[in-house]
N, C-alpha and C. Protein backbone atom coordinates (compact mmCIF):
# COMPACT_ATOMS: atom_id res chain seq x y z
N UNK A 1 -3.97 -9.49 3.17
CA UNK A 1 -3.38 -9.51 1.85
C UNK A 1 -2.68 -8.17 1.64
N UNK A 2 -1.50 -8.21 1.07
CA UNK A 2 -0.82 -6.96 0.78
C UNK A 2 -1.23 -6.46 -0.60
N UNK A 3 -0.87 -5.21 -0.89
CA UNK A 3 -1.32 -4.60 -2.15
C UNK A 3 -0.79 -5.33 -3.36
N UNK A 4 0.40 -5.93 -3.28
CA UNK A 4 0.97 -6.63 -4.43
C UNK A 4 0.15 -7.88 -4.76
N UNK A 5 -0.20 -8.66 -3.74
CA UNK A 5 -1.03 -9.85 -3.97
C UNK A 5 -2.42 -9.46 -4.47
N UNK A 6 -2.94 -8.34 -3.99
CA UNK A 6 -4.25 -7.88 -4.46
C UNK A 6 -4.16 -7.50 -5.93
N UNK A 7 -3.09 -6.81 -6.31
CA UNK A 7 -2.90 -6.46 -7.72
C UNK A 7 -2.83 -7.71 -8.59
N UNK A 8 -2.05 -8.69 -8.14
CA UNK A 8 -1.91 -9.94 -8.90
C UNK A 8 -3.26 -10.64 -9.04
N UNK A 9 -4.03 -10.69 -7.96
CA UNK A 9 -5.34 -11.35 -7.98
C UNK A 9 -6.25 -10.70 -9.02
N UNK A 10 -6.35 -9.38 -8.98
CA UNK A 10 -7.24 -8.67 -9.90
C UNK A 10 -6.73 -8.80 -11.34
N UNK A 11 -5.43 -8.57 -11.54
CA UNK A 11 -4.87 -8.59 -12.89
C UNK A 11 -4.92 -9.97 -13.53
N UNK A 12 -4.65 -11.03 -12.77
CA UNK A 12 -4.70 -12.38 -13.32
C UNK A 12 -6.10 -12.69 -13.83
N UNK A 13 -7.10 -12.34 -13.05
CA UNK A 13 -8.48 -12.59 -13.46
C UNK A 13 -8.83 -11.78 -14.70
N UNK A 14 -8.42 -10.50 -14.74
CA UNK A 14 -8.69 -9.66 -15.91
C UNK A 14 -8.00 -10.21 -17.16
N UNK A 15 -6.74 -10.60 -17.03
CA UNK A 15 -6.00 -11.14 -18.18
C UNK A 15 -6.65 -12.41 -18.68
N UNK A 16 -7.01 -13.30 -17.75
CA UNK A 16 -7.65 -14.56 -18.13
C UNK A 16 -8.95 -14.30 -18.89
N UNK A 17 -9.76 -13.37 -18.38
CA UNK A 17 -11.04 -13.08 -19.03
C UNK A 17 -10.84 -12.39 -20.38
N UNK A 18 -9.86 -11.46 -20.45
CA UNK A 18 -9.58 -10.78 -21.72
C UNK A 18 -9.15 -11.77 -22.81
N UNK A 19 -8.46 -12.83 -22.39
CA UNK A 19 -8.00 -13.85 -23.34
C UNK A 19 -9.09 -14.90 -23.60
N UNK A 20 -10.21 -14.78 -22.88
CA UNK A 20 -11.32 -15.72 -23.06
C UNK A 20 -10.96 -17.13 -22.60
N UNK A 21 -10.14 -17.25 -21.56
CA UNK A 21 -9.67 -18.56 -21.10
C UNK A 21 -10.37 -18.98 -19.81
N UNK A 22 -10.64 -20.26 -19.72
CA UNK A 22 -11.17 -20.83 -18.49
C UNK A 22 -9.99 -21.11 -17.55
N UNK A 23 -10.31 -21.42 -16.31
CA UNK A 23 -9.26 -21.81 -15.35
C UNK A 23 -8.53 -23.06 -15.83
N UNK A 24 -9.27 -24.00 -16.40
CA UNK A 24 -8.66 -25.22 -16.91
C UNK A 24 -7.65 -24.91 -18.02
N UNK A 25 -8.01 -24.00 -18.91
CA UNK A 25 -7.11 -23.63 -20.00
C UNK A 25 -5.85 -22.92 -19.47
N UNK A 26 -6.01 -22.05 -18.49
CA UNK A 26 -4.85 -21.36 -17.90
C UNK A 26 -3.96 -22.37 -17.19
N UNK A 27 -4.56 -23.30 -16.49
CA UNK A 27 -3.78 -24.34 -15.80
C UNK A 27 -2.97 -25.15 -16.81
N UNK A 28 -3.60 -25.50 -17.92
CA UNK A 28 -2.92 -26.28 -18.96
C UNK A 28 -1.76 -25.48 -19.57
N UNK A 29 -1.97 -24.21 -19.82
CA UNK A 29 -0.95 -23.38 -20.48
C UNK A 29 0.22 -23.01 -19.54
N UNK A 30 -0.07 -22.91 -18.24
CA UNK A 30 0.95 -22.44 -17.30
C UNK A 30 1.63 -23.54 -16.50
N UNK A 31 0.95 -24.65 -16.35
CA UNK A 31 1.49 -25.71 -15.48
C UNK A 31 1.23 -25.44 -14.01
N UNK A 32 0.40 -24.45 -13.72
CA UNK A 32 -0.01 -24.14 -12.35
C UNK A 32 -1.39 -24.74 -12.16
N UNK A 33 -1.60 -25.44 -11.05
CA UNK A 33 -2.86 -26.14 -10.83
C UNK A 33 -4.04 -25.17 -10.80
N UNK A 34 -5.19 -25.70 -11.19
CA UNK A 34 -6.43 -24.92 -11.20
C UNK A 34 -6.74 -24.40 -9.79
N UNK A 35 -6.52 -25.23 -8.78
CA UNK A 35 -6.81 -24.80 -7.41
C UNK A 35 -5.89 -23.66 -6.98
N UNK A 36 -4.59 -23.73 -7.37
CA UNK A 36 -3.67 -22.65 -7.02
C UNK A 36 -4.04 -21.37 -7.75
N UNK A 37 -4.41 -21.48 -9.03
CA UNK A 37 -4.84 -20.29 -9.78
C UNK A 37 -6.06 -19.65 -9.13
N UNK A 38 -7.00 -20.47 -8.69
CA UNK A 38 -8.19 -19.96 -8.01
C UNK A 38 -7.82 -19.23 -6.73
N UNK A 39 -6.90 -19.81 -5.96
CA UNK A 39 -6.46 -19.16 -4.72
C UNK A 39 -5.78 -17.82 -5.01
N UNK A 40 -4.98 -17.77 -6.07
CA UNK A 40 -4.30 -16.53 -6.45
C UNK A 40 -5.33 -15.48 -6.85
N UNK A 41 -6.30 -15.86 -7.68
CA UNK A 41 -7.33 -14.92 -8.13
C UNK A 41 -8.20 -14.42 -6.98
N UNK A 42 -8.38 -15.21 -5.95
CA UNK A 42 -9.17 -14.78 -4.79
C UNK A 42 -8.30 -14.05 -3.76
N UNK A 43 -7.01 -13.95 -4.01
CA UNK A 43 -6.11 -13.28 -3.07
C UNK A 43 -5.81 -14.10 -1.84
N UNK A 44 -5.99 -15.41 -1.92
CA UNK A 44 -5.77 -16.29 -0.78
C UNK A 44 -4.38 -16.91 -0.78
N UNK A 45 -3.64 -16.76 -1.87
CA UNK A 45 -2.30 -17.36 -1.97
C UNK A 45 -1.26 -16.27 -2.16
N UNK A 46 -0.06 -16.57 -1.72
CA UNK A 46 1.08 -15.69 -1.90
C UNK A 46 2.00 -16.40 -2.90
N UNK A 47 1.79 -16.16 -4.21
CA UNK A 47 2.52 -16.94 -5.21
C UNK A 47 4.03 -16.70 -5.16
N UNK A 48 4.79 -17.77 -5.35
CA UNK A 48 6.24 -17.68 -5.39
C UNK A 48 6.68 -17.06 -6.71
N UNK A 49 7.94 -16.68 -6.78
CA UNK A 49 8.49 -16.14 -8.03
C UNK A 49 8.40 -17.20 -9.12
N UNK A 50 8.65 -18.46 -8.76
CA UNK A 50 8.56 -19.55 -9.72
C UNK A 50 7.16 -19.70 -10.29
N UNK A 51 6.15 -19.59 -9.44
CA UNK A 51 4.76 -19.69 -9.89
C UNK A 51 4.42 -18.51 -10.81
N UNK A 52 4.84 -17.31 -10.42
CA UNK A 52 4.60 -16.14 -11.27
C UNK A 52 5.30 -16.31 -12.62
N UNK A 53 6.51 -16.90 -12.60
CA UNK A 53 7.23 -17.15 -13.85
C UNK A 53 6.45 -18.07 -14.77
N UNK A 54 5.84 -19.12 -14.21
CA UNK A 54 5.03 -20.04 -15.01
C UNK A 54 3.82 -19.33 -15.60
N UNK A 55 3.20 -18.47 -14.79
CA UNK A 55 1.99 -17.76 -15.24
C UNK A 55 2.33 -16.80 -16.38
N UNK A 56 3.38 -16.00 -16.21
CA UNK A 56 3.70 -15.02 -17.26
C UNK A 56 4.17 -15.70 -18.54
N UNK A 57 4.87 -16.82 -18.38
CA UNK A 57 5.31 -17.56 -19.56
C UNK A 57 4.13 -18.20 -20.28
N UNK A 58 3.25 -18.84 -19.51
CA UNK A 58 2.11 -19.53 -20.10
C UNK A 58 1.08 -18.60 -20.71
N UNK A 59 0.90 -17.43 -20.10
CA UNK A 59 -0.07 -16.46 -20.62
C UNK A 59 0.56 -15.46 -21.58
N UNK A 60 1.89 -15.52 -21.70
CA UNK A 60 2.64 -14.62 -22.58
C UNK A 60 2.37 -13.15 -22.26
N UNK A 61 2.59 -12.82 -20.99
CA UNK A 61 2.46 -11.44 -20.51
C UNK A 61 3.73 -11.07 -19.76
N UNK A 62 3.93 -9.78 -19.55
CA UNK A 62 5.06 -9.31 -18.75
C UNK A 62 4.69 -9.38 -17.27
N UNK A 63 5.70 -9.53 -16.43
CA UNK A 63 5.48 -9.53 -14.98
C UNK A 63 4.77 -8.24 -14.56
N UNK A 64 5.16 -7.14 -15.17
CA UNK A 64 4.55 -5.85 -14.82
C UNK A 64 3.03 -5.88 -15.00
N UNK A 65 2.54 -6.62 -16.00
CA UNK A 65 1.10 -6.70 -16.22
C UNK A 65 0.38 -7.37 -15.06
N UNK A 66 1.07 -8.24 -14.34
CA UNK A 66 0.46 -8.90 -13.18
C UNK A 66 0.53 -8.06 -11.92
N UNK A 67 1.61 -7.31 -11.74
CA UNK A 67 1.80 -6.61 -10.46
C UNK A 67 1.38 -5.15 -10.47
N UNK A 68 1.12 -4.58 -11.64
CA UNK A 68 0.76 -3.16 -11.72
C UNK A 68 -0.58 -2.91 -11.04
N UNK A 69 -0.81 -1.65 -10.68
CA UNK A 69 -2.11 -1.28 -10.14
C UNK A 69 -3.14 -1.50 -11.23
N UNK A 70 -4.16 -2.27 -10.94
CA UNK A 70 -5.15 -2.61 -11.97
C UNK A 70 -5.83 -1.37 -12.55
N UNK A 71 -6.07 -1.41 -13.83
CA UNK A 71 -6.76 -0.33 -14.51
C UNK A 71 -8.25 -0.58 -14.54
N UNK A 72 -8.82 -0.83 -13.39
CA UNK A 72 -10.25 -1.08 -13.31
C UNK A 72 -10.96 0.17 -12.81
N UNK A 73 -12.25 0.26 -13.04
CA UNK A 73 -13.01 1.42 -12.61
C UNK A 73 -13.10 1.56 -11.11
N UNK A 74 -13.07 0.45 -10.39
CA UNK A 74 -13.15 0.47 -8.93
C UNK A 74 -12.06 -0.44 -8.39
N UNK A 75 -11.29 0.08 -7.44
CA UNK A 75 -10.23 -0.69 -6.81
C UNK A 75 -10.43 -0.56 -5.31
N UNK A 76 -10.95 -1.61 -4.70
CA UNK A 76 -11.29 -1.58 -3.29
C UNK A 76 -10.15 -2.14 -2.44
N UNK A 77 -9.84 -1.44 -1.36
CA UNK A 77 -8.83 -1.91 -0.41
C UNK A 77 -9.54 -2.20 0.90
N UNK A 78 -9.46 -3.43 1.37
CA UNK A 78 -10.10 -3.85 2.61
C UNK A 78 -9.08 -3.77 3.74
N UNK A 79 -9.28 -2.85 4.67
CA UNK A 79 -8.34 -2.61 5.77
C UNK A 79 -8.07 -3.88 6.58
N UNK A 80 -9.09 -4.71 6.76
CA UNK A 80 -8.94 -5.93 7.55
C UNK A 80 -8.00 -6.94 6.91
N UNK A 81 -7.76 -6.80 5.61
CA UNK A 81 -6.89 -7.76 4.91
C UNK A 81 -5.49 -7.21 4.65
N UNK A 82 -5.25 -5.94 5.02
CA UNK A 82 -3.92 -5.37 4.80
C UNK A 82 -2.90 -5.91 5.79
N UNK A 83 -1.71 -6.15 5.30
CA UNK A 83 -0.59 -6.55 6.13
C UNK A 83 0.26 -5.30 6.36
N UNK A 84 0.70 -5.02 7.59
CA UNK A 84 1.50 -3.82 7.83
C UNK A 84 2.73 -3.75 6.93
N UNK A 85 2.99 -2.56 6.40
CA UNK A 85 4.16 -2.32 5.58
C UNK A 85 5.39 -2.16 6.46
N UNK A 86 5.21 -1.45 7.56
CA UNK A 86 6.26 -1.26 8.57
C UNK A 86 5.60 -1.44 9.93
N UNK A 87 6.35 -2.05 10.84
CA UNK A 87 5.79 -2.26 12.17
C UNK A 87 6.89 -2.48 13.19
N UNK A 88 6.78 -1.77 14.30
CA UNK A 88 7.60 -2.02 15.48
C UNK A 88 6.60 -2.20 16.62
N UNK A 89 6.38 -3.45 17.07
CA UNK A 89 5.37 -3.71 18.09
C UNK A 89 5.54 -2.81 19.31
N UNK A 90 4.42 -2.26 19.76
CA UNK A 90 4.44 -1.36 20.91
C UNK A 90 4.85 0.06 20.56
N UNK A 91 5.20 0.32 19.29
CA UNK A 91 5.63 1.65 18.87
C UNK A 91 4.72 2.21 17.77
N UNK A 92 4.76 1.57 16.58
CA UNK A 92 3.98 2.07 15.46
C UNK A 92 3.70 0.98 14.44
N UNK A 93 2.67 1.24 13.62
CA UNK A 93 2.29 0.36 12.52
C UNK A 93 1.91 1.26 11.35
N UNK A 94 2.39 0.89 10.14
CA UNK A 94 2.08 1.64 8.93
C UNK A 94 1.41 0.68 7.94
N UNK A 95 0.26 1.11 7.41
CA UNK A 95 -0.46 0.34 6.40
C UNK A 95 -0.43 1.12 5.09
N UNK A 96 -0.17 0.44 4.00
CA UNK A 96 -0.15 1.07 2.68
C UNK A 96 -1.45 0.76 1.96
N UNK A 97 -2.22 1.82 1.69
CA UNK A 97 -3.47 1.66 0.95
C UNK A 97 -3.21 1.76 -0.55
N UNK A 98 -2.47 2.78 -0.95
CA UNK A 98 -2.13 2.97 -2.36
C UNK A 98 -0.64 3.30 -2.42
N UNK A 99 0.20 2.33 -2.83
CA UNK A 99 1.65 2.53 -2.86
C UNK A 99 2.10 3.32 -4.09
N UNK A 100 3.38 3.53 -4.17
CA UNK A 100 3.95 4.24 -5.31
C UNK A 100 3.56 3.54 -6.61
N UNK A 101 3.20 4.33 -7.58
CA UNK A 101 2.89 3.85 -8.93
C UNK A 101 3.30 4.98 -9.86
N UNK A 102 4.08 4.66 -10.87
CA UNK A 102 4.60 5.71 -11.76
C UNK A 102 3.50 6.47 -12.49
N UNK A 103 2.29 5.92 -12.55
CA UNK A 103 1.18 6.58 -13.22
C UNK A 103 0.31 7.40 -12.28
N UNK A 104 0.71 7.46 -11.00
CA UNK A 104 -0.08 8.18 -10.01
C UNK A 104 0.89 9.06 -9.22
N UNK A 105 0.53 10.27 -8.93
CA UNK A 105 1.44 11.20 -8.26
C UNK A 105 1.21 11.27 -6.75
N UNK A 106 0.64 10.22 -6.16
CA UNK A 106 0.43 10.21 -4.72
C UNK A 106 0.48 8.79 -4.17
N UNK A 107 0.65 8.71 -2.86
CA UNK A 107 0.58 7.46 -2.11
C UNK A 107 -0.30 7.73 -0.90
N UNK A 108 -1.02 6.69 -0.39
CA UNK A 108 -1.86 6.87 0.79
C UNK A 108 -1.50 5.81 1.82
N UNK A 109 -1.27 6.28 3.05
CA UNK A 109 -0.90 5.41 4.17
C UNK A 109 -1.80 5.70 5.36
N UNK A 110 -1.94 4.70 6.22
CA UNK A 110 -2.55 4.90 7.52
C UNK A 110 -1.48 4.57 8.55
N UNK A 111 -1.33 5.44 9.54
CA UNK A 111 -0.33 5.21 10.58
C UNK A 111 -1.01 5.15 11.94
N UNK A 112 -0.53 4.22 12.75
CA UNK A 112 -0.97 4.09 14.14
C UNK A 112 0.28 4.18 15.00
N UNK A 113 0.30 5.13 15.91
CA UNK A 113 1.45 5.32 16.79
C UNK A 113 0.97 5.22 18.23
N UNK A 114 1.63 4.37 18.98
CA UNK A 114 1.23 4.14 20.37
C UNK A 114 1.62 5.34 21.23
N UNK A 115 0.99 5.43 22.40
CA UNK A 115 1.21 6.54 23.33
C UNK A 115 2.70 6.69 23.65
N UNK A 116 3.21 7.91 23.56
CA UNK A 116 4.59 8.31 23.83
C UNK A 116 5.60 7.73 22.82
N UNK A 117 5.12 7.15 21.73
CA UNK A 117 6.03 6.59 20.72
C UNK A 117 6.30 7.62 19.63
N UNK A 118 7.39 7.38 18.88
CA UNK A 118 7.83 8.29 17.84
C UNK A 118 8.11 7.51 16.56
N UNK A 119 7.74 8.09 15.43
CA UNK A 119 8.09 7.54 14.13
C UNK A 119 8.95 8.58 13.43
N UNK A 120 10.17 8.21 13.13
CA UNK A 120 11.15 9.10 12.50
C UNK A 120 11.17 8.85 11.00
N UNK A 121 11.16 9.92 10.21
CA UNK A 121 11.22 9.79 8.77
C UNK A 121 12.30 10.72 8.22
N UNK A 122 13.09 10.20 7.32
CA UNK A 122 14.07 11.03 6.65
C UNK A 122 13.39 11.90 5.61
N UNK A 123 14.14 12.80 5.02
CA UNK A 123 13.60 13.63 3.95
C UNK A 123 13.35 12.79 2.70
N UNK A 124 12.39 13.20 1.91
CA UNK A 124 12.00 12.45 0.71
C UNK A 124 12.43 13.13 -0.59
N UNK A 125 13.21 14.18 -0.48
CA UNK A 125 13.70 14.85 -1.69
C UNK A 125 12.85 16.05 -2.08
N UNK A 126 13.41 16.87 -2.94
CA UNK A 126 12.72 18.06 -3.42
C UNK A 126 11.44 17.67 -4.18
N UNK A 127 10.44 18.54 -4.08
CA UNK A 127 9.21 18.31 -4.83
C UNK A 127 8.29 17.28 -4.22
N UNK A 128 8.44 16.99 -2.93
CA UNK A 128 7.55 16.05 -2.26
C UNK A 128 6.82 16.77 -1.13
N UNK A 129 5.62 16.33 -0.83
CA UNK A 129 4.82 16.93 0.23
C UNK A 129 3.93 15.87 0.85
N UNK A 130 3.41 16.20 2.02
CA UNK A 130 2.55 15.26 2.73
C UNK A 130 1.35 16.01 3.30
N UNK A 131 0.19 15.37 3.17
CA UNK A 131 -1.05 15.87 3.76
C UNK A 131 -1.47 14.86 4.81
N UNK A 132 -1.77 15.32 6.01
CA UNK A 132 -2.14 14.42 7.11
C UNK A 132 -3.49 14.84 7.68
N UNK A 133 -4.36 13.86 7.93
CA UNK A 133 -5.62 14.07 8.63
C UNK A 133 -5.58 13.17 9.86
N UNK A 134 -5.70 13.77 11.05
CA UNK A 134 -5.68 13.01 12.30
C UNK A 134 -7.09 12.53 12.60
N UNK A 135 -7.23 11.21 12.77
CA UNK A 135 -8.53 10.61 13.06
C UNK A 135 -8.74 10.36 14.55
N UNK A 136 -7.62 10.10 15.25
CA UNK A 136 -7.71 9.79 16.67
C UNK A 136 -6.43 10.22 17.36
N UNK A 137 -6.56 10.91 18.49
CA UNK A 137 -5.39 11.28 19.26
C UNK A 137 -4.86 12.67 18.94
N UNK A 138 -3.62 12.90 19.37
CA UNK A 138 -2.97 14.20 19.22
C UNK A 138 -1.58 13.99 18.63
N UNK A 139 -1.35 14.55 17.44
CA UNK A 139 -0.07 14.41 16.74
C UNK A 139 0.80 15.62 17.02
N UNK A 140 2.04 15.36 17.40
CA UNK A 140 3.05 16.40 17.46
C UNK A 140 3.97 16.13 16.29
N UNK A 141 3.96 17.02 15.31
CA UNK A 141 4.75 16.89 14.11
C UNK A 141 5.94 17.83 14.22
N UNK A 142 7.14 17.28 14.07
CA UNK A 142 8.36 18.10 14.10
C UNK A 142 8.96 18.12 12.71
N UNK A 143 9.10 19.34 12.16
CA UNK A 143 9.69 19.54 10.84
C UNK A 143 10.68 20.68 10.95
N UNK A 144 11.94 20.42 10.62
CA UNK A 144 12.96 21.47 10.59
C UNK A 144 13.00 22.28 11.88
N UNK A 145 13.11 21.60 13.00
CA UNK A 145 13.22 22.23 14.34
C UNK A 145 11.99 23.02 14.76
N UNK A 146 10.86 22.82 14.10
CA UNK A 146 9.62 23.48 14.49
C UNK A 146 8.58 22.39 14.77
N UNK A 147 7.81 22.59 15.85
CA UNK A 147 6.79 21.62 16.24
C UNK A 147 5.39 22.16 15.92
N UNK A 148 4.53 21.25 15.46
CA UNK A 148 3.15 21.58 15.15
C UNK A 148 2.26 20.56 15.84
N UNK A 149 1.26 21.04 16.58
CA UNK A 149 0.35 20.15 17.26
C UNK A 149 -0.93 20.05 16.43
N UNK A 150 -1.29 18.82 16.06
CA UNK A 150 -2.46 18.59 15.22
C UNK A 150 -3.45 17.74 16.00
N UNK A 151 -4.60 18.34 16.31
CA UNK A 151 -5.62 17.66 17.11
C UNK A 151 -6.50 16.77 16.25
N UNK A 152 -7.17 15.85 16.91
CA UNK A 152 -8.12 14.94 16.26
C UNK A 152 -9.12 15.73 15.43
N UNK A 153 -9.31 15.30 14.18
CA UNK A 153 -10.24 15.97 13.28
C UNK A 153 -9.61 17.07 12.46
N UNK A 154 -8.36 17.43 12.76
CA UNK A 154 -7.67 18.48 12.03
C UNK A 154 -6.66 17.90 11.05
N UNK A 155 -6.12 18.77 10.21
CA UNK A 155 -5.19 18.32 9.17
C UNK A 155 -4.01 19.29 9.07
N UNK A 156 -2.95 18.82 8.39
CA UNK A 156 -1.76 19.64 8.17
C UNK A 156 -1.11 19.22 6.85
N UNK A 157 -0.43 20.16 6.23
CA UNK A 157 0.31 19.93 4.99
C UNK A 157 1.72 20.45 5.21
N UNK A 158 2.73 19.71 4.68
CA UNK A 158 4.11 20.19 4.78
C UNK A 158 4.97 19.57 3.69
N UNK A 159 6.02 20.30 3.31
CA UNK A 159 6.99 19.78 2.37
C UNK A 159 7.86 18.75 3.07
N UNK A 160 8.16 17.65 2.40
CA UNK A 160 8.88 16.55 3.05
C UNK A 160 10.33 16.41 2.57
N UNK A 161 10.91 17.50 2.11
CA UNK A 161 12.31 17.40 1.68
C UNK A 161 13.25 17.27 2.88
N UNK A 162 12.79 17.67 4.07
CA UNK A 162 13.60 17.59 5.28
C UNK A 162 13.12 16.43 6.17
N UNK A 163 14.00 15.98 7.05
CA UNK A 163 13.63 14.94 8.01
C UNK A 163 12.48 15.45 8.89
N UNK A 164 11.63 14.56 9.33
CA UNK A 164 10.50 14.93 10.17
C UNK A 164 10.17 13.78 11.11
N UNK A 165 9.45 14.13 12.19
CA UNK A 165 9.08 13.13 13.20
C UNK A 165 7.61 13.26 13.53
N UNK A 166 6.96 12.10 13.71
CA UNK A 166 5.57 12.03 14.14
C UNK A 166 5.60 11.51 15.58
N UNK A 167 5.05 12.28 16.51
CA UNK A 167 5.09 11.91 17.92
C UNK A 167 3.67 11.85 18.46
N UNK A 168 3.36 10.75 19.15
CA UNK A 168 2.05 10.64 19.79
C UNK A 168 2.14 11.42 21.10
N UNK A 169 1.54 12.59 21.11
CA UNK A 169 1.62 13.50 22.25
C UNK A 169 0.34 13.48 23.08
N UNK A 170 -0.53 12.52 22.81
CA UNK A 170 -1.80 12.47 23.52
C UNK A 170 -1.96 11.22 24.35
N UNK A 171 -3.17 11.00 24.81
CA UNK A 171 -3.52 9.82 25.58
C UNK A 171 -4.03 8.75 24.62
N UNK A 172 -3.58 7.53 24.75
CA UNK A 172 -4.05 6.45 23.90
C UNK A 172 -3.34 6.45 22.55
N UNK A 173 -3.88 5.66 21.64
CA UNK A 173 -3.27 5.49 20.32
C UNK A 173 -3.57 6.67 19.41
N UNK A 174 -2.60 7.03 18.58
CA UNK A 174 -2.74 8.06 17.55
C UNK A 174 -2.98 7.37 16.22
N UNK A 175 -3.99 7.82 15.46
CA UNK A 175 -4.26 7.27 14.13
C UNK A 175 -4.43 8.43 13.16
N UNK A 176 -3.73 8.33 12.02
CA UNK A 176 -3.91 9.35 11.00
C UNK A 176 -3.67 8.78 9.62
N UNK A 177 -4.24 9.48 8.63
CA UNK A 177 -4.04 9.14 7.23
C UNK A 177 -3.04 10.11 6.65
N UNK A 178 -2.10 9.58 5.90
CA UNK A 178 -1.07 10.38 5.25
C UNK A 178 -1.17 10.21 3.74
N UNK A 179 -1.28 11.33 3.05
CA UNK A 179 -1.26 11.32 1.59
C UNK A 179 0.06 11.96 1.17
N UNK A 180 0.92 11.17 0.59
CA UNK A 180 2.25 11.60 0.16
C UNK A 180 2.16 11.96 -1.32
N UNK A 181 2.63 13.16 -1.67
CA UNK A 181 2.44 13.68 -3.01
C UNK A 181 3.78 14.00 -3.66
N UNK A 182 3.89 13.62 -4.94
CA UNK A 182 5.04 13.99 -5.75
C UNK A 182 4.61 15.19 -6.57
N UNK A 183 5.11 16.36 -6.22
CA UNK A 183 4.71 17.58 -6.91
C UNK A 183 5.48 17.74 -8.21
N UNK A 184 4.85 18.36 -9.17
CA UNK A 184 5.48 18.56 -10.47
C UNK A 184 5.98 19.97 -10.59
C-alpha cells in the first residue's frame, strides 16, 4: 500500500466515526458499496477518482481531508506494504515513509542501491538539507565535486541545493535512510 492509500484508509474511518455513521449509512450516502468502503478503510483497495468523488460528495468533505496525513496520535508505516516510489530494477529502489506535507518540515525515505549502481539527484533549492544513516554497505556520496565515504552504521548531513550522487561503493546492496529537511 502506498502512503496515499494509507492516508485515505485512516482518514475515511476517522471521518465516518466522527460523523457517527455506520458502513451502511456511508454506503447509502455515497453510493459506494459497503464492501468497497470496507476494503478502502482496510487499505486493500486503490480507489478511483470517481469513487473518491462519490465519497467526498456523500460525506460532504474536501478531498484534502481524505488524502492528508492523518492527525492521529500514532501513524504506523509497514515496510512490507510500501510500494516503491521510484525504482529501476537492478539499480535502485526508493521507498517513501513520510512524504512531503505542508505541515511537516521533513520527509523520510529508505533507499536501496545495488552494487556498482548510482542514483543521481538534482539540487532541491536553497534551504534544503539531507541527513543520511547507512544501515548496510558503503555509500560514496558526491556533492559539488567532493566525495564522502560513509560506512555502515555512520551518518552524514549535507545541504541539497546542489546536484548530488549516491554511489554503492561496497560489496552487496547498499541500504540507507534519508531524512530530507526544509530549513527555515
